Protein backbone atom coordinates (compact mmCIF):
# COMPACT_ATOMS: atom_id res chain seq x y z
CA UNK A 1 -18.63 -49.89 32.50
CA UNK A 2 -19.43 -47.55 35.42
CA UNK A 3 -16.28 -48.64 37.30
CA UNK A 4 -14.16 -48.04 34.20
CA UNK A 5 -15.66 -44.54 33.78
CA UNK A 6 -15.01 -43.71 37.45
CA UNK A 7 -11.39 -44.89 37.24
CA UNK A 8 -10.85 -43.00 33.98
CA UNK A 9 -12.39 -39.85 35.45
CA UNK A 10 -10.22 -40.07 38.57
CA UNK A 11 -7.02 -40.66 36.57
CA UNK A 12 -7.87 -37.79 34.25
CA UNK A 13 -8.30 -35.39 37.17
CA UNK A 14 -5.12 -36.56 38.90
CA UNK A 15 -3.05 -36.16 35.74
CA UNK A 16 -4.48 -32.86 34.55
CA UNK A 17 -5.24 -30.85 37.69
CA UNK A 18 -2.20 -28.67 38.38
CA UNK A 19 -1.36 -25.14 39.43
CA UNK A 20 -0.57 -22.67 36.68
CA UNK A 21 -2.47 -19.38 36.37
CA UNK A 22 -5.26 -21.24 38.11
CA UNK A 23 -6.29 -24.85 38.51
CA UNK A 24 -6.47 -26.63 35.16
CA UNK A 25 -9.12 -29.34 35.05
CA UNK A 26 -9.85 -31.67 32.17
CA UNK A 27 -13.57 -32.22 31.74
CA UNK A 28 -14.27 -34.27 28.68
CA UNK A 29 -14.19 -32.86 26.04
CA UNK A 30 -12.87 -29.55 27.42
CA UNK A 31 -10.19 -28.12 29.70
CA UNK A 32 -11.24 -25.53 32.25
CA UNK A 33 -9.05 -23.10 34.17
CA UNK A 34 -10.53 -22.51 37.63
CA UNK A 35 -9.61 -19.79 40.10
CA UNK A 36 -6.40 -20.54 41.99
CA UNK A 37 -8.38 -20.32 45.27
CA UNK A 38 -10.03 -23.66 44.39
CA UNK A 39 -9.08 -26.72 46.41
CA UNK A 40 -9.90 -30.23 45.16
CA UNK A 41 -11.62 -32.84 47.31
CA UNK A 42 -12.70 -36.36 46.37
CA UNK A 43 -14.78 -38.81 48.39
CA UNK A 44 -14.17 -42.24 46.87
CA UNK A 45 -16.38 -43.94 49.47
CA UNK A 46 -19.48 -41.90 48.63
CA UNK A 47 -22.27 -43.60 46.73
CA UNK A 48 -22.08 -41.04 43.92
CA UNK A 49 -18.53 -40.51 42.70
CA UNK A 50 -17.56 -36.90 42.16
CA UNK A 51 -14.66 -34.53 42.48
CA UNK A 52 -15.45 -31.29 44.23
CA UNK A 53 -13.55 -28.02 44.05
CA UNK A 54 -14.30 -25.57 46.88
CA UNK A 55 -13.52 -21.98 45.87
CA UNK A 56 -13.91 -18.43 47.13
CA UNK A 57 -14.80 -15.39 45.06
CA UNK A 58 -13.43 -11.86 45.52
CA UNK A 59 -15.99 -11.25 48.31
CA UNK A 60 -14.77 -14.38 50.16
CA UNK A 61 -18.05 -16.23 49.45
CA UNK A 62 -17.84 -19.99 48.95
CA UNK A 63 -18.93 -21.68 45.76
CA UNK A 64 -18.32 -25.17 44.45
CA UNK A 65 -17.53 -26.94 41.20
CA UNK A 66 -18.76 -30.52 41.36
CA UNK A 67 -17.55 -32.79 38.55
CA UNK A 68 -19.66 -35.95 38.64
CA UNK A 69 -20.93 -38.80 36.57
CA UNK A 70 -24.25 -38.01 34.92
CA UNK A 71 -26.09 -40.67 36.89
CA UNK A 72 -28.29 -38.66 39.26
CA UNK A 73 -31.23 -36.35 38.65
CA UNK A 74 -30.06 -33.09 40.21
CA UNK A 75 -33.39 -31.39 39.49
CA UNK A 76 -35.30 -34.09 41.41
CA UNK A 77 -32.86 -33.71 44.33
CA UNK A 78 -33.49 -29.97 44.45
CA UNK A 79 -37.25 -30.46 44.32
CA UNK A 80 -37.06 -32.99 47.15
CA UNK A 81 -34.91 -30.83 49.46
CA UNK A 82 -35.88 -27.26 48.51
CA UNK A 83 -38.80 -24.95 47.87
CA UNK A 84 -39.62 -22.50 45.08
CA UNK A 85 -37.55 -24.51 42.58
CA UNK A 86 -37.22 -22.96 39.14
CA UNK A 87 -35.42 -24.89 36.39
CA UNK A 88 -34.38 -23.58 32.98
CA UNK A 89 -33.07 -26.19 30.55
CA UNK A 90 -31.27 -25.27 27.35
CA UNK A 91 -28.69 -26.63 24.94
CA UNK A 92 -25.20 -25.09 24.97
CA UNK A 93 -22.95 -26.60 22.30
CA UNK A 94 -22.69 -30.32 23.17
CA UNK A 95 -23.84 -29.69 26.77
CA UNK A 96 -27.30 -29.66 28.25
CA UNK A 97 -27.42 -26.64 30.54
CA UNK A 98 -29.58 -26.73 33.70
CA UNK A 99 -29.99 -23.45 35.57
CA UNK A 100 -31.66 -24.06 38.93
CA UNK A 101 -32.73 -21.59 41.60
CA UNK A 102 -34.39 -22.64 44.83
CA UNK A 103 -34.65 -21.89 48.53
CA UNK A 104 -33.25 -24.15 51.23
CA UNK A 105 -35.01 -25.09 54.48
CA UNK A 106 -33.88 -21.77 56.01
CA UNK A 107 -35.53 -19.92 53.10
CA UNK A 108 -32.12 -18.83 51.78
CA UNK A 109 -31.51 -18.81 48.01
CA UNK A 110 -29.59 -21.62 46.36
CA UNK A 111 -28.25 -21.31 42.85
CA UNK A 112 -26.89 -24.13 40.68
CA UNK A 113 -25.85 -24.36 37.07
CA UNK A 114 -25.07 -27.75 35.54
CA UNK A 115 -23.31 -28.38 32.26
CA UNK A 116 -23.93 -32.03 31.32
CA UNK A 117 -22.82 -34.37 28.59
CA UNK A 118 -24.17 -37.93 28.38
CA UNK A 119 -21.45 -39.20 30.73
CA UNK A 120 -20.42 -36.28 32.92
CA UNK A 121 -21.73 -33.11 34.58
CA UNK A 122 -20.12 -29.99 35.95
CA UNK A 123 -22.27 -28.42 38.67
CA UNK A 124 -21.56 -24.87 39.79
CA UNK A 125 -23.29 -24.49 43.16
CA UNK A 126 -23.47 -21.83 45.87
CA UNK A 127 -25.54 -21.31 49.00
CA UNK A 128 -25.07 -17.63 48.36
CA UNK A 129 -24.83 -15.54 45.25
CA UNK A 130 -21.56 -15.91 43.34
CA UNK A 131 -20.11 -13.45 40.89
CA UNK A 132 -21.58 -13.71 37.38
CA UNK A 133 -18.03 -13.71 36.00
CA UNK A 134 -17.56 -17.24 37.41
CA UNK A 135 -20.32 -18.70 35.24
CA UNK A 136 -19.24 -16.52 32.32
CA UNK A 137 -15.73 -17.93 32.62
CA UNK A 138 -16.99 -21.50 32.34
CA UNK A 139 -19.23 -20.65 29.41
CA UNK A 140 -16.40 -18.94 27.52
CA UNK A 141 -14.07 -21.94 27.99
CA UNK A 142 -16.43 -24.72 26.89
CA UNK A 143 -15.89 -25.58 23.26
CA UNK A 144 -17.53 -29.03 23.06
């Protein structure tokens, strides 16, 4: 079943990601329009299948959208590799929303927001602060 889900996810991204007024991405059950600065990357050899979009905000800071199967515990990973981890969990429509703040080994802030269904997660991650409008844009587009 996992292989089928991975193949379906990959096909869905290949068929629906295209340039328009941004990058349109199909995340079941919703479509998202990402900033046109976003570039897709996929590592099919990695142990955990995901599709990553690397983007820049208006201040030229990098942030990432990571679409992945919901098969890893992101909170546990943060607690293992970071300090001062704070996690807020809430329900947003059909998604479980995880808002995580932490500090990396260099004591720099890390911020992540994950929107998860049973099968799939969208992680919004940055080693720096990203514009609040980026998270607001995702929230306004999710209908599921």
